[in-house]
């Protein structure tokens, strides 16, 4: 027998979201939120997140995502969409994913 205890089966994976351009990315999944900018990545596990906001940025082709921590600090990620249709698609995909993970958290 293996000296390592088997891992309990993981809960069914939740929904995930990815928006990326050539330099930046926003990833939302069961682990939390990751903001990547020019090769540097900031990872925020759900336990460390108070809430997450997002909106279309200036010009209508930029997705702006802000991760807000319980102490009020926030970190922003910006991803450039190819066009307005792609931005609308990202916003439509992101809303239910954030809703899934933030639901019932009292925020």
PDB file of N, CA and C in Angstrom:
ATOM      1  N   UNK A   1       0.830  -1.198   0.000  1.00  0.00           N
ATOM      2  CA  UNK A   1       0.000   0.000   0.000  1.00  0.00           C
ATOM      3  C   UNK A   1       0.869   1.254   0.000  1.00  0.00           C
ATOM      4  N   UNK A   2       0.337   2.291  -0.567  1.00  0.00           N
ATOM      5  CA  UNK A   2       1.058   3.554  -0.662  1.00  0.00           C
ATOM      6  C   UNK A   2       1.210   4.180   0.716  1.00  0.00           C
ATOM      7  N   UNK A   3       2.355   4.806   1.013  1.00  0.00           N
ATOM      8  CA  UNK A   3       2.513   5.484   2.307  1.00  0.00           C
ATOM      9  C   UNK A   3       1.675   6.766   2.367  1.00  0.00           C
ATOM     10  N   UNK A   4       1.133   7.169   1.236  1.00  0.00           N
ATOM     11  CA  UNK A   4       0.331   8.393   1.205  1.00  0.00           C
ATOM     12  C   UNK A   4      -1.147   8.040   1.227  1.00  0.00           C
ATOM     13  N   UNK A   5      -1.866   8.699   2.108  1.00  0.00           N
ATOM     14  CA  UNK A   5      -3.313   8.454   2.157  1.00  0.00           C
ATOM     15  C   UNK A   5      -3.934   8.962   0.858  1.00  0.00           C
ATOM     16  N   UNK A   6      -4.905   8.246   0.344  1.00  0.00           N
ATOM     17  CA  UNK A   6      -5.547   8.740  -0.876  1.00  0.00           C
ATOM     18  C   UNK A   6      -6.283  10.044  -0.594  1.00  0.00           C
ATOM     19  N   UNK A   7      -6.281  10.903  -1.590  1.00  0.00           N
ATOM     20  CA  UNK A   7      -7.002  12.158  -1.434  1.00  0.00           C
ATOM     21  C   UNK A   7      -8.491  11.882  -1.542  1.00  0.00           C
ATOM     22  N   UNK A   8      -9.296  12.539  -0.703  1.00  0.00           N
ATOM     23  CA  UNK A   8     -10.741  12.363  -0.869  1.00  0.00           C
ATOM     24  C   UNK A   8     -11.135  12.923  -2.236  1.00  0.00           C
ATOM     25  N   UNK A   9     -12.190  12.405  -2.823  1.00  0.00           N
ATOM     26  CA  UNK A   9     -12.576  12.937  -4.132  1.00  0.00           C
ATOM     27  C   UNK A   9     -12.900  14.420  -4.016  1.00  0.00           C
ATOM     28  N   UNK A  10     -12.437  15.173  -4.965  1.00  0.00           N
ATOM     29  CA  UNK A  10     -12.673  16.618  -4.950  1.00  0.00           C
ATOM     30  C   UNK A  10     -14.139  16.888  -5.246  1.00  0.00           C
ATOM     31  N   UNK A  11     -14.606  17.978  -4.722  1.00  0.00           N
ATOM     32  CA  UNK A  11     -15.967  18.388  -5.044  1.00  0.00           C
ATOM     33  C   UNK A  11     -16.037  18.662  -6.540  1.00  0.00           C
ATOM     34  N   UNK A  12     -17.221  18.557  -7.071  1.00  0.00           N
ATOM     35  CA  UNK A  12     -17.378  18.834  -8.500  1.00  0.00           C
ATOM     36  C   UNK A  12     -16.812  20.216  -8.792  1.00  0.00           C
ATOM     37  N   UNK A  13     -16.005  20.318  -9.827  1.00  0.00           N
ATOM     38  CA  UNK A  13     -15.425  21.628 -10.122  1.00  0.00           C
ATOM     39  C   UNK A  13     -16.517  22.631 -10.476  1.00  0.00           C
ATOM     40  N   UNK A  14     -16.315  23.851 -10.028  1.00  0.00           N
ATOM     41  CA  UNK A  14     -17.270  24.897 -10.335  1.00  0.00           C
ATOM     42  C   UNK A  14     -16.974  25.484 -11.705  1.00  0.00           C
ATOM     43  N   UNK A  15     -17.740  26.469 -12.087  1.00  0.00           N
ATOM     44  CA  UNK A  15     -17.499  27.102 -13.378  1.00  0.00           C
ATOM     45  C   UNK A  15     -16.198  27.889 -13.355  1.00  0.00           C
ATOM     46  N   UNK A  16     -15.670  28.159 -14.531  1.00  0.00           N
ATOM     47  CA  UNK A  16     -14.472  28.983 -14.583  1.00  0.00           C
ATOM     48  C   UNK A  16     -14.593  30.000 -15.708  1.00  0.00           C
ATOM     49  N   UNK A  17     -13.705  30.986 -15.653  1.00  0.00           N
ATOM     50  CA  UNK A  17     -13.731  32.094 -16.599  1.00  0.00           C
ATOM     51  C   UNK A  17     -12.301  32.456 -16.948  1.00  0.00           C
ATOM     52  N   UNK A  18     -12.064  32.743 -18.213  1.00  0.00           N
ATOM     53  CA  UNK A  18     -10.758  33.205 -18.660  1.00  0.00           C
ATOM     54  C   UNK A  18     -10.957  34.293 -19.701  1.00  0.00           C
ATOM     55  N   UNK A  19     -10.304  35.413 -19.478  1.00  0.00           N
ATOM     56  CA  UNK A  19     -10.218  36.467 -20.488  1.00  0.00           C
ATOM     57  C   UNK A  19      -8.734  36.785 -20.622  1.00  0.00           C
ATOM     58  N   UNK A  20      -8.261  36.850 -21.865  1.00  0.00           N
ATOM     59  CA  UNK A  20      -6.828  37.093 -22.057  1.00  0.00           C
ATOM     60  C   UNK A  20      -6.584  37.879 -23.335  1.00  0.00           C
ATOM     61  N   UNK A  21      -5.528  38.692 -23.284  1.00  0.00           N
ATOM     62  CA  UNK A  21      -5.026  39.336 -24.492  1.00  0.00           C
ATOM     63  C   UNK A  21      -3.547  38.956 -24.599  1.00  0.00           C
ATOM     64  N   UNK A  22      -2.787  39.684 -25.379  1.00  0.00           N
ATOM     65  CA  UNK A  22      -1.381  39.294 -25.578  1.00  0.00           C
ATOM     66  C   UNK A  22      -0.535  39.429 -24.321  1.00  0.00           C
ATOM     67  N   UNK A  23      -0.887  40.344 -23.422  1.00  0.00           N
ATOM     68  CA  UNK A  23      -0.053  40.589 -22.241  1.00  0.00           C
ATOM     69  C   UNK A  23      -0.734  40.328 -20.913  1.00  0.00           C
ATOM     70  N   UNK A  24      -2.054  40.317 -20.899  1.00  0.00           N
ATOM     71  CA  UNK A  24      -2.784  40.265 -19.629  1.00  0.00           C
ATOM     72  C   UNK A  24      -3.826  39.161 -19.631  1.00  0.00           C
ATOM     73  N   UNK A  25      -4.213  38.747 -18.422  1.00  0.00           N
ATOM     74  CA  UNK A  25      -5.258  37.732 -18.310  1.00  0.00           C
ATOM     75  C   UNK A  25      -5.971  37.875 -16.968  1.00  0.00           C
ATOM     76  N   UNK A  26      -7.230  37.467 -16.968  1.00  0.00           N
ATOM     77  CA  UNK A  26      -8.025  37.353 -15.752  1.00  0.00           C
ATOM     78  C   UNK A  26      -8.578  35.935 -15.736  1.00  0.00           C
ATOM     79  N   UNK A  27      -8.336  35.218 -14.638  1.00  0.00           N
ATOM     80  CA  UNK A  27      -8.835  33.859 -14.491  1.00  0.00           C
ATOM     81  C   UNK A  27      -9.645  33.793 -13.204  1.00  0.00           C
ATOM     82  N   UNK A  28     -10.847  33.236 -13.293  1.00  0.00           N
ATOM     83  CA  UNK A  28     -11.693  33.018 -12.120  1.00  0.00           C
ATOM     84  C   UNK A  28     -12.062  31.544 -12.128  1.00  0.00           C
ATOM     85  N   UNK A  29     -11.752  30.842 -11.023  1.00  0.00           N
ATOM     86  CA  UNK A  29     -12.096  29.432 -10.939  1.00  0.00           C
ATOM     87  C   UNK A  29     -12.305  29.039  -9.484  1.00  0.00           C
ATOM     88  N   UNK A  30     -12.388  27.747  -9.221  1.00  0.00           N
ATOM     89  CA  UNK A  30     -12.677  27.269  -7.862  1.00  0.00           C
ATOM     90  C   UNK A  30     -11.602  27.686  -6.866  1.00  0.00           C
ATOM     91  N   UNK A  31     -10.390  27.958  -7.343  1.00  0.00           N
ATOM     92  CA  UNK A  31      -9.294  28.361  -6.456  1.00  0.00           C
ATOM     93  C   UNK A  31      -9.411  29.819  -6.029  1.00  0.00           C
ATOM     94  N   UNK A  32      -9.907  30.678  -6.926  1.00  0.00           N
ATOM     95  CA  UNK A  32      -9.981  32.104  -6.635  1.00  0.00           C
ATOM     96  C   UNK A  32      -9.869  32.900  -7.914  1.00  0.00           C
ATOM     97  N   UNK A  33      -9.223  34.054  -7.807  1.00  0.00           N
ATOM     98  CA  UNK A  33      -9.060  34.949  -8.950  1.00  0.00           C
ATOM     99  C   UNK A  33      -7.566  35.183  -9.167  1.00  0.00           C
ATOM    100  N   UNK A  34      -7.142  35.101 -10.431  1.00  0.00           N
ATOM    101  CA  UNK A  34      -5.763  35.405 -10.789  1.00  0.00           C
ATOM    102  C   UNK A  34      -5.759  36.550 -11.788  1.00  0.00           C
ATOM    103  N   UNK A  35      -4.914  37.529 -11.526  1.00  0.00           N
ATOM    104  CA  UNK A  35      -4.727  38.649 -12.440  1.00  0.00           C
ATOM    105  C   UNK A  35      -3.303  38.571 -12.964  1.00  0.00           C
ATOM    106  N   UNK A  36      -3.168  38.509 -14.287  1.00  0.00           N
ATOM    107  CA  UNK A  36      -1.842  38.451 -14.886  1.00  0.00           C
ATOM    108  C   UNK A  36      -1.619  39.703 -15.719  1.00  0.00           C
ATOM    109  N   UNK A  37      -0.466  40.325 -15.531  1.00  0.00           N
ATOM    110  CA  UNK A  37      -0.133  41.530 -16.280  1.00  0.00           C
ATOM    111  C   UNK A  37       1.331  41.484 -16.673  1.00  0.00           C
ATOM    112  N   UNK A  38       1.595  41.477 -17.959  1.00  0.00           N
ATOM    113  CA  UNK A  38       2.965  41.485 -18.468  1.00  0.00           C
ATOM    114  C   UNK A  38       3.838  40.412 -17.827  1.00  0.00           C
ATOM    115  N   UNK A  39       3.301  39.223 -17.654  1.00  0.00           N
ATOM    116  CA  UNK A  39       4.079  38.103 -17.126  1.00  0.00           C
ATOM    117  C   UNK A  39       4.087  37.958 -15.622  1.00  0.00           C
ATOM    118  N   UNK A  40       3.576  38.957 -14.893  1.00  0.00           N
ATOM    119  CA  UNK A  40       3.490  38.855 -13.427  1.00  0.00           C
ATOM    120  C   UNK A  40       2.063  38.446 -13.056  1.00  0.00           C
ATOM    121  N   UNK A  41       1.933  37.494 -12.145  1.00  0.00           N
ATOM    122  CA  UNK A  41       0.612  36.998 -11.762  1.00  0.00           C
ATOM    123  C   UNK A  41       0.363  37.236 -10.281  1.00  0.00           C
ATOM    124  N   UNK A  42      -0.813  37.742  -9.965  1.00  0.00           N
ATOM    125  CA  UNK A  42      -1.275  37.868  -8.585  1.00  0.00           C
ATOM    126  C   UNK A  42      -2.420  36.883  -8.404  1.00  0.00           C
ATOM    127  N   UNK A  43      -2.276  35.988  -7.434  1.00  0.00           N
ATOM    128  CA  UNK A  43      -3.316  35.003  -7.153  1.00  0.00           C
ATOM    129  C   UNK A  43      -4.022  35.353  -5.854  1.00  0.00           C
ATOM    130  N   UNK A  44      -5.355  35.343  -5.902  1.00  0.00           N
ATOM    131  CA  UNK A  44      -6.162  35.659  -4.726  1.00  0.00           C
ATOM    132  C   UNK A  44      -7.095  34.489  -4.442  1.00  0.00           C
ATOM    133  N   UNK A  45      -6.811  33.700  -3.386  1.00  0.00           N
ATOM    134  CA  UNK A  45      -7.740  32.619  -3.036  1.00  0.00           C
ATOM    135  C   UNK A  45      -9.063  33.209  -2.522  1.00  0.00           C
ATOM    136  N   UNK A  46     -10.155  32.482  -2.725  1.00  0.00           N
ATOM    137  CA  UNK A  46     -11.474  33.001  -2.324  1.00  0.00           C
ATOM    138  C   UNK A  46     -11.504  33.432  -0.867  1.00  0.00           C
ATOM    139  N   UNK A  47     -10.787  32.732   0.006  1.00  0.00           N
ATOM    140  CA  UNK A  47     -10.836  33.076   1.437  1.00  0.00           C
ATOM    141  C   UNK A  47     -10.273  34.467   1.716  1.00  0.00           C
ATOM    142  N   UNK A  48      -9.446  34.996   0.777  1.00  0.00           N
ATOM    143  CA  UNK A  48      -8.826  36.305   0.969  1.00  0.00           C
ATOM    144  C   UNK A  48      -9.560  37.426   0.234  1.00  0.00           C
ATOM    145  N   UNK A  49     -10.669  37.106  -0.428  1.00  0.00           N
ATOM    146  CA  UNK A  49     -11.373  38.080  -1.261  1.00  0.00           C
ATOM    147  C   UNK A  49     -12.656  38.531  -0.580  1.00  0.00           C
ATOM    148  N   UNK A  50     -12.835  39.861  -0.485  1.00  0.00           N
ATOM    149  CA  UNK A  50     -14.104  40.391   0.026  1.00  0.00           C
ATOM    150  C   UNK A  50     -15.144  40.371  -1.091  1.00  0.00           C
ATOM    151  N   UNK A  51     -14.779  40.900  -2.244  1.00  0.00           N
ATOM    152  CA  UNK A  51     -15.676  40.893  -3.397  1.00  0.00           C
ATOM    153  C   UNK A  51     -14.871  41.146  -4.665  1.00  0.00           C
ATOM    154  N   UNK A  52     -15.546  41.023  -5.784  1.00  0.00           N
ATOM    155  CA  UNK A  52     -14.917  41.257  -7.086  1.00  0.00           C
ATOM    156  C   UNK A  52     -15.861  42.125  -7.910  1.00  0.00           C
ATOM    157  N   UNK A  53     -15.332  43.167  -8.490  1.00  0.00           N
ATOM    158  CA  UNK A  53     -16.117  44.055  -9.357  1.00  0.00           C
ATOM    159  C   UNK A  53     -15.555  43.973 -10.765  1.00  0.00           C
ATOM    160  N   UNK A  54     -16.407  44.213 -11.747  1.00  0.00           N
ATOM    161  CA  UNK A  54     -15.917  44.291 -13.115  1.00  0.00           C
ATOM    162  C   UNK A  54     -16.796  45.253 -13.902  1.00  0.00           C
ATOM    163  N   UNK A  55     -16.229  45.807 -14.963  1.00  0.00           N
ATOM    164  CA  UNK A  55     -16.977  46.713 -15.831  1.00  0.00           C
ATOM    165  C   UNK A  55     -16.232  46.863 -17.144  1.00  0.00           C
ATOM    166  N   UNK A  56     -16.965  47.266 -18.183  1.00  0.00           N
ATOM    167  CA  UNK A  56     -16.281  47.606 -19.427  1.00  0.00           C
ATOM    168  C   UNK A  56     -15.480  48.878 -19.206  1.00  0.00           C
ATOM    169  N   UNK A  57     -14.302  48.927 -19.776  1.00  0.00           N
ATOM    170  CA  UNK A  57     -13.457  50.101 -19.611  1.00  0.00           C
ATOM    171  C   UNK A  57     -13.686  51.117 -20.710  1.00  0.00           C
ATOM    172  N   UNK A  58     -12.915  52.183 -20.686  1.00  0.00           N
ATOM    173  CA  UNK A  58     -13.033  53.242 -21.692  1.00  0.00           C
ATOM    174  C   UNK A  58     -12.888  52.674 -23.102  1.00  0.00           C
ATOM    175  N   UNK A  59     -13.721  53.165 -23.992  1.00  0.00           N
ATOM    176  CA  UNK A  59     -13.639  52.727 -25.375  1.00  0.00           C
ATOM    177  C   UNK A  59     -14.471  51.505 -25.692  1.00  0.00           C
ATOM    178  N   UNK A  60     -14.969  50.825 -24.647  1.00  0.00           N
ATOM    179  CA  UNK A  60     -15.849  49.692 -24.883  1.00  0.00           C
ATOM    180  C   UNK A  60     -15.181  48.426 -25.359  1.00  0.00           C
ATOM    181  N   UNK A  61     -13.863  48.350 -25.294  1.00  0.00           N
ATOM    182  CA  UNK A  61     -13.182  47.128 -25.717  1.00  0.00           C
ATOM    183  C   UNK A  61     -12.197  46.639 -24.666  1.00  0.00           C
ATOM    184  N   UNK A  62     -12.392  47.080 -23.417  1.00  0.00           N
ATOM    185  CA  UNK A  62     -11.506  46.698 -22.322  1.00  0.00           C
ATOM    186  C   UNK A  62     -12.349  46.177 -21.164  1.00  0.00           C
ATOM    187  N   UNK A  63     -11.940  45.031 -20.603  1.00  0.00           N
ATOM    188  CA  UNK A  63     -12.592  44.497 -19.405  1.00  0.00           C
ATOM    189  C   UNK A  63     -11.727  44.868 -18.213  1.00  0.00           C
ATOM    190  N   UNK A  64     -12.328  45.550 -17.254  1.00  0.00           N
ATOM    191  CA  UNK A  64     -11.626  45.930 -16.024  1.00  0.00           C
ATOM    192  C   UNK A  64     -12.184  45.090 -14.882  1.00  0.00           C
ATOM    193  N   UNK A  65     -11.306  44.408 -14.151  1.00  0.00           N
ATOM    194  CA  UNK A  65     -11.704  43.557 -13.032  1.00  0.00           C
ATOM    195  C   UNK A  65     -10.939  44.015 -11.801  1.00  0.00           C
ATOM    196  N   UNK A  66     -11.659  44.220 -10.700  1.00  0.00           N
ATOM    197  CA  UNK A  66     -11.027  44.624  -9.445  1.00  0.00           C
ATOM    198  C   UNK A  66     -11.319  43.583  -8.371  1.00  0.00           C
ATOM    199  N   UNK A  67     -10.265  43.102  -7.730  1.00  0.00           N
ATOM    200  CA  UNK A  67     -10.379  42.185  -6.599  1.00  0.00           C
ATOM    201  C   UNK A  67     -10.239  43.030  -5.342  1.00  0.00           C
ATOM    202  N   UNK A  68     -11.261  42.997  -4.484  1.00  0.00           N
ATOM    203  CA  UNK A  68     -11.258  43.797  -3.261  1.00  0.00           C
ATOM    204  C   UNK A  68     -11.001  42.875  -2.063  1.00  0.00           C
ATOM    205  N   UNK A  69     -10.007  43.237  -1.258  1.00  0.00           N
ATOM    206  CA  UNK A  69      -9.664  42.447  -0.075  1.00  0.00           C
ATOM    207  C   UNK A  69     -10.440  42.961   1.132  1.00  0.00           C
ATOM    208  N   UNK A  70     -10.543  42.141   2.175  1.00  0.00           N
ATOM    209  CA  UNK A  70     -11.317  42.557   3.356  1.00  0.00           C
ATOM    210  C   UNK A  70     -10.835  43.855   3.996  1.00  0.00           C
ATOM    211  N   UNK A  71      -9.548  44.195   3.862  1.00  0.00           N
ATOM    212  CA  UNK A  71      -9.038  45.428   4.479  1.00  0.00           C
ATOM    213  C   UNK A  71      -9.239  46.654   3.586  1.00  0.00           C
ATOM    214  N   UNK A  72      -9.906  46.464   2.438  1.00  0.00           N
ATOM    215  CA  UNK A  72     -10.185  47.596   1.566  1.00  0.00           C
ATOM    216  C   UNK A  72      -9.204  47.787   0.427  1.00  0.00           C
ATOM    217  N   UNK A  73      -8.060  47.112   0.490  1.00  0.00           N
ATOM    218  CA  UNK A  73      -7.131  47.212  -0.633  1.00  0.00           C
ATOM    219  C   UNK A  73      -7.761  46.536  -1.851  1.00  0.00           C
ATOM    220  N   UNK A  74      -7.404  47.012  -3.024  1.00  0.00           N
ATOM    221  CA  UNK A  74      -7.917  46.359  -4.221  1.00  0.00           C
ATOM    222  C   UNK A  74      -6.843  46.309  -5.291  1.00  0.00           C
ATOM    223  N   UNK A  75      -6.987  45.348  -6.170  1.00  0.00           N
ATOM    224  CA  UNK A  75      -6.046  45.124  -7.252  1.00  0.00           C
ATOM    225  C   UNK A  75      -6.848  45.017  -8.536  1.00  0.00           C
ATOM    226  N   UNK A  76      -6.379  45.709  -9.577  1.00  0.00           N
ATOM    227  CA  UNK A  76      -7.116  45.717 -10.828  1.00  0.00           C
ATOM    228  C   UNK A  76      -6.379  44.950 -11.920  1.00  0.00           C
ATOM    229  N   UNK A  77      -7.170  44.286 -12.734  1.00  0.00           N
ATOM    230  CA  UNK A  77      -6.654  43.647 -13.930  1.00  0.00           C
ATOM    231  C   UNK A  77      -7.419  44.202 -15.118  1.00  0.00           C
ATOM    232  N   UNK A  78      -6.724  44.400 -16.222  1.00  0.00           N
ATOM    233  CA  UNK A  78      -7.339  44.942 -17.434  1.00  0.00           C
ATOM    234  C   UNK A  78      -6.970  44.028 -18.596  1.00  0.00           C
ATOM    235  N   UNK A  79      -7.992  43.628 -19.363  1.00  0.00           N
ATOM    236  CA  UNK A  79      -7.775  42.779 -20.527  1.00  0.00           C
ATOM    237  C   UNK A  79      -8.440  43.440 -21.724  1.00  0.00           C
ATOM    238  N   UNK A  80      -7.716  43.507 -22.827  1.00  0.00           N
ATOM    239  CA  UNK A  80      -8.237  44.129 -24.047  1.00  0.00           C
ATOM    240  C   UNK A  80      -8.952  43.070 -24.889  1.00  0.00           C
ATOM    241  N   UNK A  81     -10.211  43.336 -25.195  1.00  0.00           N
ATOM    242  CA  UNK A  81     -10.975  42.432 -26.062  1.00  0.00           C
ATOM    243  C   UNK A  81     -10.665  42.746 -27.525  1.00  0.00           C
ATOM    244  N   UNK A  82     -10.876  41.771 -28.382  1.00  0.00           N
ATOM    245  CA  UNK A  82     -10.655  42.002 -29.814  1.00  0.00           C
ATOM    246  C   UNK A  82     -11.666  43.011 -30.367  1.00  0.00           C
ATOM    247  N   UNK A  83     -12.871  43.007 -29.782  1.00  0.00           N
ATOM    248  CA  UNK A  83     -13.933  43.898 -30.250  1.00  0.00           C
ATOM    249  C   UNK A  83     -15.028  43.975 -29.180  1.00  0.00           C
ATOM    250  N   UNK A  84     -16.009  44.831 -29.416  1.00  0.00           N
ATOM    251  CA  UNK A  84     -17.081  45.007 -28.429  1.00  0.00           C
ATOM    252  C   UNK A  84     -17.870  43.726 -28.206  1.00  0.00           C
ATOM    253  N   UNK A  85     -18.057  42.944 -29.262  1.00  0.00           N
ATOM    254  CA  UNK A  85     -18.810  41.689 -29.126  1.00  0.00           C
ATOM    255  C   UNK A  85     -18.095  40.743 -28.157  1.00  0.00           C
ATOM    256  N   UNK A  86     -16.757  40.670 -28.254  1.00  0.00           N
ATOM    257  CA  UNK A  86     -15.991  39.809 -27.350  1.00  0.00           C
ATOM    258  C   UNK A  86     -16.112  40.315 -25.920  1.00  0.00           C
ATOM    259  N   UNK A  87     -16.059  41.635 -25.738  1.00  0.00           N
ATOM    260  CA  UNK A  87     -16.209  42.203 -24.401  1.00  0.00           C
ATOM    261  C   UNK A  87     -17.575  41.858 -23.818  1.00  0.00           C
ATOM    262  N   UNK A  88     -18.619  41.976 -24.615  1.00  0.00           N
ATOM    263  CA  UNK A  88     -19.965  41.628 -24.135  1.00  0.00           C
ATOM    264  C   UNK A  88     -20.044  40.148 -23.771  1.00  0.00           C
ATOM    265  N   UNK A  89     -19.394  39.314 -24.562  1.00  0.00           N
ATOM    266  CA  UNK A  89     -19.360  37.874 -24.282  1.00  0.00           C
ATOM    267  C   UNK A  89     -18.663  37.620 -22.944  1.00  0.00           C
ATOM    268  N   UNK A  90     -17.504  38.277 -22.723  1.00  0.00           N
ATOM    269  CA  UNK A  90     -16.792  38.097 -21.454  1.00  0.00           C
ATOM    270  C   UNK A  90     -17.657  38.517 -20.277  1.00  0.00           C
ATOM    271  N   UNK A  91     -18.316  39.679 -20.381  1.00  0.00           N
ATOM    272  CA  UNK A  91     -19.157  40.156 -19.278  1.00  0.00           C
ATOM    273  C   UNK A  91     -20.297  39.175 -18.998  1.00  0.00           C
ATOM    274  N   UNK A  92     -20.883  38.631 -20.061  1.00  0.00           N
ATOM    275  CA  UNK A  92     -21.979  37.673 -19.897  1.00  0.00           C
ATOM    276  C   UNK A  92     -21.488  36.379 -19.253  1.00  0.00           C
ATOM    277  N   UNK A  93     -20.258  35.978 -19.546  1.00  0.00           N
ATOM    278  CA  UNK A  93     -19.701  34.754 -18.959  1.00  0.00           C
ATOM    279  C   UNK A  93     -19.248  34.975 -17.523  1.00  0.00           C
ATOM    280  N   UNK A  94     -18.709  36.152 -17.249  1.00  0.00           N
ATOM    281  CA  UNK A  94     -18.127  36.422 -15.934  1.00  0.00           C
ATOM    282  C   UNK A  94     -19.185  36.546 -14.849  1.00  0.00           C
ATOM    283  N   UNK A  95     -20.309  37.159 -15.158  1.00  0.00           N
ATOM    284  CA  UNK A  95     -21.344  37.400 -14.147  1.00  0.00           C
ATOM    285  C   UNK A  95     -21.780  36.124 -13.417  1.00  0.00           C
ATOM    286  N   UNK A  96     -22.176  35.059 -14.119  1.00  0.00           N
ATOM    287  CA  UNK A  96     -22.614  33.866 -13.386  1.00  0.00           C
ATOM    288  C   UNK A  96     -21.489  33.145 -12.655  1.00  0.00           C
ATOM    289  N   UNK A  97     -20.255  33.234 -13.173  1.00  0.00           N
ATOM    290  CA  UNK A  97     -19.131  32.585 -12.497  1.00  0.00           C
ATOM    291  C   UNK A  97     -18.864  33.278 -11.157  1.00  0.00           C
ATOM    292  N   UNK A  98     -18.797  34.615 -11.179  1.00  0.00           N
ATOM    293  CA  UNK A  98     -18.605  35.348  -9.926  1.00  0.00           C
ATOM    294  C   UNK A  98     -19.778  35.103  -8.990  1.00  0.00           C
ATOM    295  N   UNK A  99     -20.987  35.094  -9.531  1.00  0.00           N
ATOM    296  CA  UNK A  99     -22.166  34.842  -8.708  1.00  0.00           C
ATOM    297  C   UNK A  99     -22.070  33.494  -7.994  1.00  0.00           C
ATOM    298  N   UNK A 100     -21.567  32.497  -8.709  1.00  0.00           N
ATOM    299  CA  UNK A 100     -21.434  31.152  -8.136  1.00  0.00           C
ATOM    300  C   UNK A 100     -20.523  31.161  -6.911  1.00  0.00           C
ATOM    301  N   UNK A 101     -19.368  31.813  -7.052  1.00  0.00           N
ATOM    302  CA  UNK A 101     -18.379  31.777  -5.962  1.00  0.00           C
ATOM    303  C   UNK A 101     -18.637  32.783  -4.865  1.00  0.00           C
ATOM    304  N   UNK A 102     -19.287  33.906  -5.195  1.00  0.00           N
ATOM    305  CA  UNK A 102     -19.519  34.936  -4.193  1.00  0.00           C
ATOM    306  C   UNK A 102     -20.866  34.779  -3.489  1.00  0.00           C
ATOM    307  N   UNK A 103     -21.744  33.938  -4.015  1.00  0.00           N
ATOM    308  CA  UNK A 103     -23.070  33.769  -3.423  1.00  0.00           C
ATOM    309  C   UNK A 103     -22.963  33.295  -1.976  1.00  0.00           C
ATOM    310  N   UNK A 104     -23.818  33.829  -1.140  1.00  0.00           N
ATOM    311  CA  UNK A 104     -23.881  33.367   0.241  1.00  0.00           C
ATOM    312  C   UNK A 104     -22.722  33.824   1.099  1.00  0.00           C
ATOM    313  N   UNK A 105     -21.935  34.779   0.625  1.00  0.00           N
ATOM    314  CA  UNK A 105     -20.794  35.232   1.406  1.00  0.00           C
ATOM    315  C   UNK A 105     -21.114  36.482   2.203  1.00  0.00           C
ATOM    316  N   UNK A 106     -22.371  36.975   2.076  1.00  0.00           N
ATOM    317  CA  UNK A 106     -22.754  38.138   2.860  1.00  0.00           C
ATOM    318  C   UNK A 106     -22.305  39.448   2.262  1.00  0.00           C
ATOM    319  N   UNK A 107     -21.886  39.440   0.988  1.00  0.00           N
ATOM    320  CA  UNK A 107     -21.438  40.682   0.340  1.00  0.00           C
ATOM    321  C   UNK A 107     -22.427  41.077  -0.719  1.00  0.00           C
TER     322      UNK A 107
END
